[in-house]
Amino acid sequence: MGATARSGLCLLTALLLAGCAHLGRPSSPAGVDHVVFVWLKSPGSTKDRQILVEKSRELAAAIPQIRSFRWGTPVPSKRPVVDDTYDLALVMSFDDRAGLEAYESHPGHIRAAKEVLRPLAWKIVVYDIERN
């Protein structure tokens, strides 16, 4: 599968994940979803996946601009258009671009990316999706 097809499939998966349950804070229909696909250095590691999920939950609780947080794992598929090679997808939702920007520059996010995410992942793909 080519890189363009994989990117499109990751985007489609991100949109589907965006419809999952959330933390309970109200989120408007319009807004921004920040979707992070992670390929672990230790593929399939339950421990590493749980570390990333717990750190993301901490960020979601600490950063008020995050309206919801969801996570998931790929559904195995034999369909050639489905990229199921990632280990974990994280989805955070915001009211607007300003909320996303506040999250991206938040010291807790910067520290978590440097000290937790990057040491555990060999590949990270991010999609920021503006909901209408």
C-alpha atoms as a PDB file:
ATOM      1  CA  MET A   1       0.000   0.000   0.000  1.00  0.00           C
ATOM      2  CA  GLY A   2       1.341   3.410  -0.943  1.00  0.00           C
ATOM      3  CA  ALA A   3       1.982   6.280   1.468  1.00  0.00           C
ATOM      4  CA  THR A   4      -0.940   8.300   0.078  1.00  0.00           C
ATOM      5  CA  ALA A   5      -3.362   5.421   0.597  1.00  0.00           C
ATOM      6  CA  ARG A   6      -2.056   4.861   4.143  1.00  0.00           C
ATOM      7  CA  SER A   7      -2.442   8.545   4.958  1.00  0.00           C
ATOM      8  CA  GLY A   8      -5.998   8.514   3.693  1.00  0.00           C
ATOM      9  CA  LEU A   9      -6.778   5.416   5.705  1.00  0.00           C
ATOM     10  CA  CYS A  10      -5.287   6.903   8.858  1.00  0.00           C
ATOM     11  CA  LEU A  11      -7.462   9.967   8.330  1.00  0.00           C
ATOM     12  CA  LEU A  12     -10.564   7.818   7.886  1.00  0.00           C
ATOM     13  CA  THR A  13      -9.714   5.879  11.054  1.00  0.00           C
ATOM     14  CA  ALA A  14      -9.247   9.186  12.879  1.00  0.00           C
ATOM     15  CA  LEU A  15     -12.683  10.350  11.817  1.00  0.00           C
ATOM     16  CA  LEU A  16     -14.229   7.101  13.000  1.00  0.00           C
ATOM     17  CA  LEU A  17     -12.431   7.274  16.348  1.00  0.00           C
ATOM     18  CA  ALA A  18     -13.665  10.823  16.807  1.00  0.00           C
ATOM     19  CA  GLY A  19     -17.153   9.424  17.350  1.00  0.00           C
ATOM     20  CA  CYS A  20     -16.176   7.328  20.403  1.00  0.00           C
ATOM     21  CA  ALA A  21     -17.048   8.006  24.069  1.00  0.00           C
ATOM     22  CA  HIS A  22     -15.451  10.997  25.804  1.00  0.00           C
ATOM     23  CA  LEU A  23     -14.475  12.239  29.252  1.00  0.00           C
ATOM     24  CA  GLY A  24     -17.876  13.744  29.853  1.00  0.00           C
ATOM     25  CA  ARG A  25     -17.008  17.391  29.280  1.00  0.00           C
ATOM     26  CA  PRO A  26     -19.392  18.867  26.724  1.00  0.00           C
ATOM     27  CA  SER A  27     -17.993  19.220  23.227  1.00  0.00           C
ATOM     28  CA  SER A  28     -19.637  21.217  20.493  1.00  0.00           C
ATOM     29  CA  PRO A  29     -20.246  19.562  17.108  1.00  0.00           C
ATOM     30  CA  ALA A  30     -17.838  22.013  15.509  1.00  0.00           C
ATOM     31  CA  GLY A  31     -14.260  22.000  16.733  1.00  0.00           C
ATOM     32  CA  VAL A  32     -10.913  20.334  16.201  1.00  0.00           C
ATOM     33  CA  ASP A  33      -9.841  16.714  16.694  1.00  0.00           C
ATOM     34  CA  HIS A  34      -6.154  15.982  17.269  1.00  0.00           C
ATOM     35  CA  VAL A  35      -5.462  12.387  16.231  1.00  0.00           C
ATOM     36  CA  VAL A  36      -2.141  10.711  16.965  1.00  0.00           C
ATOM     37  CA  PHE A  37      -1.253   7.325  15.456  1.00  0.00           C
ATOM     38  CA  VAL A  38       1.587   5.571  17.250  1.00  0.00           C
ATOM     39  CA  TRP A  39       3.809   2.717  16.125  1.00  0.00           C
ATOM     40  CA  LEU A  40       5.627   1.406  19.208  1.00  0.00           C
ATOM     41  CA  LYS A  41       9.315   0.510  19.285  1.00  0.00           C
ATOM     42  CA  SER A  42       8.112  -2.675  21.016  1.00  0.00           C
ATOM     43  CA  PRO A  43       5.183  -3.541  18.724  1.00  0.00           C
ATOM     44  CA  GLY A  44       2.142  -4.831  20.568  1.00  0.00           C
ATOM     45  CA  SER A  45       3.531  -3.916  24.003  1.00  0.00           C
ATOM     46  CA  THR A  46       0.562  -3.692  26.367  1.00  0.00           C
ATOM     47  CA  LYS A  47       2.774  -1.984  28.955  1.00  0.00           C
ATOM     48  CA  ASP A  48       3.957   0.764  26.592  1.00  0.00           C
ATOM     49  CA  ARG A  49       0.448   1.292  25.251  1.00  0.00           C
ATOM     50  CA  GLN A  50      -0.908   1.649  28.795  1.00  0.00           C
ATOM     51  CA  ILE A  51       1.834   4.154  29.686  1.00  0.00           C
ATOM     52  CA  LEU A  52       0.824   6.324  26.725  1.00  0.00           C
ATOM     53  CA  VAL A  53      -2.891   6.057  27.504  1.00  0.00           C
ATOM     54  CA  GLU A  54      -2.377   6.954  31.179  1.00  0.00           C
ATOM     55  CA  LYS A  55      -0.157   9.935  30.321  1.00  0.00           C
ATOM     56  CA  SER A  56      -2.769  11.124  27.812  1.00  0.00           C
ATOM     57  CA  ARG A  57      -5.495  10.803  30.446  1.00  0.00           C
ATOM     58  CA  GLU A  58      -3.382  12.892  32.825  1.00  0.00           C
ATOM     59  CA  LEU A  59      -2.996  15.571  30.155  1.00  0.00           C
ATOM     60  CA  ALA A  60      -6.729  15.497  29.423  1.00  0.00           C
ATOM     61  CA  ALA A  61      -7.462  16.068  33.110  1.00  0.00           C
ATOM     62  CA  ALA A  62      -4.833  18.804  33.501  1.00  0.00           C
ATOM     63  CA  ILE A  63      -5.335  20.864  30.333  1.00  0.00           C
ATOM     64  CA  PRO A  64      -8.740  22.582  30.311  1.00  0.00           C
ATOM     65  CA  GLN A  65      -8.827  23.098  26.534  1.00  0.00           C
ATOM     66  CA  ILE A  66      -9.089  19.315  26.012  1.00  0.00           C
ATOM     67  CA  ARG A  67     -12.824  18.633  25.767  1.00  0.00           C
ATOM     68  CA  SER A  68     -12.575  14.871  25.286  1.00  0.00           C
ATOM     69  CA  PHE A  69     -10.016  12.102  25.096  1.00  0.00           C
ATOM     70  CA  ARG A  70     -10.401   8.711  23.461  1.00  0.00           C
ATOM     71  CA  TRP A  71      -8.019   5.984  22.430  1.00  0.00           C
ATOM     72  CA  GLY A  72      -8.157   2.782  20.441  1.00  0.00           C
ATOM     73  CA  THR A  73      -6.262   0.044  18.686  1.00  0.00           C
ATOM     74  CA  PRO A  74      -6.533  -1.025  15.053  1.00  0.00           C
ATOM     75  CA  VAL A  75      -9.141  -3.447  13.829  1.00  0.00           C
ATOM     76  CA  PRO A  76      -7.271  -6.177  11.937  1.00  0.00           C
ATOM     77  CA  SER A  77      -8.259  -6.190   8.302  1.00  0.00           C
ATOM     78  CA  LYS A  78      -7.405  -8.036   5.113  1.00  0.00           C
ATOM     79  CA  ARG A  79      -8.756  -5.167   3.026  1.00  0.00           C
ATOM     80  CA  PRO A  80      -5.907  -3.537   1.103  1.00  0.00           C
ATOM     81  CA  VAL A  81      -7.225  -0.028   1.796  1.00  0.00           C
ATOM     82  CA  VAL A  82      -7.026  -0.440   5.597  1.00  0.00           C
ATOM     83  CA  ASP A  83      -3.825   0.439   7.440  1.00  0.00           C
ATOM     84  CA  ASP A  84      -3.870  -1.654  10.593  1.00  0.00           C
ATOM     85  CA  THR A  85      -0.130  -1.486  11.236  1.00  0.00           C
ATOM     86  CA  TYR A  86      -0.175   1.109  14.040  1.00  0.00           C
ATOM     87  CA  ASP A  87      -0.305   0.086  17.718  1.00  0.00           C
ATOM     88  CA  LEU A  88      -2.381   2.875  19.218  1.00  0.00           C
ATOM     89  CA  ALA A  89      -4.480   5.874  18.215  1.00  0.00           C
ATOM     90  CA  LEU A  90      -5.106   8.779  20.596  1.00  0.00           C
ATOM     91  CA  VAL A  91      -7.851  11.335  19.913  1.00  0.00           C
ATOM     92  CA  MET A  92      -8.201  14.630  21.758  1.00  0.00           C
ATOM     93  CA  SER A  93     -10.959  17.107  20.910  1.00  0.00           C
ATOM     94  CA  PHE A  94     -10.962  20.882  21.257  1.00  0.00           C
ATOM     95  CA  ASP A  95     -13.532  23.624  20.781  1.00  0.00           C
ATOM     96  CA  ASP A  96     -11.371  25.412  18.227  1.00  0.00           C
ATOM     97  CA  ARG A  97      -7.878  25.900  16.799  1.00  0.00           C
ATOM     98  CA  ALA A  98      -6.949  28.164  19.716  1.00  0.00           C
ATOM     99  CA  GLY A  99      -7.620  25.270  22.109  1.00  0.00           C
ATOM    100  CA  LEU A 100      -5.408  22.975  20.051  1.00  0.00           C
ATOM    101  CA  GLU A 101      -2.645  25.596  19.980  1.00  0.00           C
ATOM    102  CA  ALA A 102      -2.883  26.051  23.764  1.00  0.00           C
ATOM    103  CA  TYR A 103      -2.519  22.279  24.182  1.00  0.00           C
ATOM    104  CA  GLU A 104       0.426  22.061  21.784  1.00  0.00           C
ATOM    105  CA  SER A 105       2.339  24.769  23.669  1.00  0.00           C
ATOM    106  CA  HIS A 106       1.362  23.548  27.156  1.00  0.00           C
ATOM    107  CA  PRO A 107       4.486  22.558  29.165  1.00  0.00           C
ATOM    108  CA  GLY A 108       2.852  19.261  30.199  1.00  0.00           C
ATOM    109  CA  HIS A 109       2.267  18.272  26.581  1.00  0.00           C
ATOM    110  CA  ILE A 110       5.770  19.261  25.522  1.00  0.00           C
ATOM    111  CA  ARG A 111       7.277  17.293  28.417  1.00  0.00           C
ATOM    112  CA  ALA A 112       5.093  14.212  27.765  1.00  0.00           C
ATOM    113  CA  ALA A 113       5.987  14.181  24.068  1.00  0.00           C
ATOM    114  CA  LYS A 114       9.695  14.424  24.833  1.00  0.00           C
ATOM    115  CA  GLU A 115       9.896  12.132  27.869  1.00  0.00           C
ATOM    116  CA  VAL A 116       7.166   9.556  27.218  1.00  0.00           C
ATOM    117  CA  LEU A 117       5.910   9.441  23.622  1.00  0.00           C
ATOM    118  CA  ARG A 118       9.143   9.775  21.655  1.00  0.00           C
ATOM    119  CA  PRO A 119      11.080   7.205  23.736  1.00  0.00           C
ATOM    120  CA  LEU A 120       8.339   4.583  23.190  1.00  0.00           C
ATOM    121  CA  ALA A 121       7.423   5.236  19.538  1.00  0.00           C
ATOM    122  CA  TRP A 122       9.400   4.641  16.378  1.00  0.00           C
ATOM    123  CA  LYS A 123       6.800   6.389  14.250  1.00  0.00           C
ATOM    124  CA  ILE A 124       4.138   8.999  15.007  1.00  0.00           C
ATOM    125  CA  VAL A 125       1.598  10.372  12.533  1.00  0.00           C
ATOM    126  CA  VAL A 126      -0.676  13.249  13.549  1.00  0.00           C
ATOM    127  CA  TYR A 127      -3.831  14.517  11.883  1.00  0.00           C
ATOM    128  CA  ASP A 128      -5.611  17.663  13.039  1.00  0.00           C
ATOM    129  CA  ILE A 129      -9.190  17.636  11.780  1.00  0.00           C
ATOM    130  CA  GLU A 130     -11.519  20.612  11.813  1.00  0.00           C
ATOM    131  CA  ARG A 131     -15.082  19.454  12.415  1.00  0.00           C
ATOM    132  CA  ASN A 132     -17.829  21.451  10.747  1.00  0.00           C
END
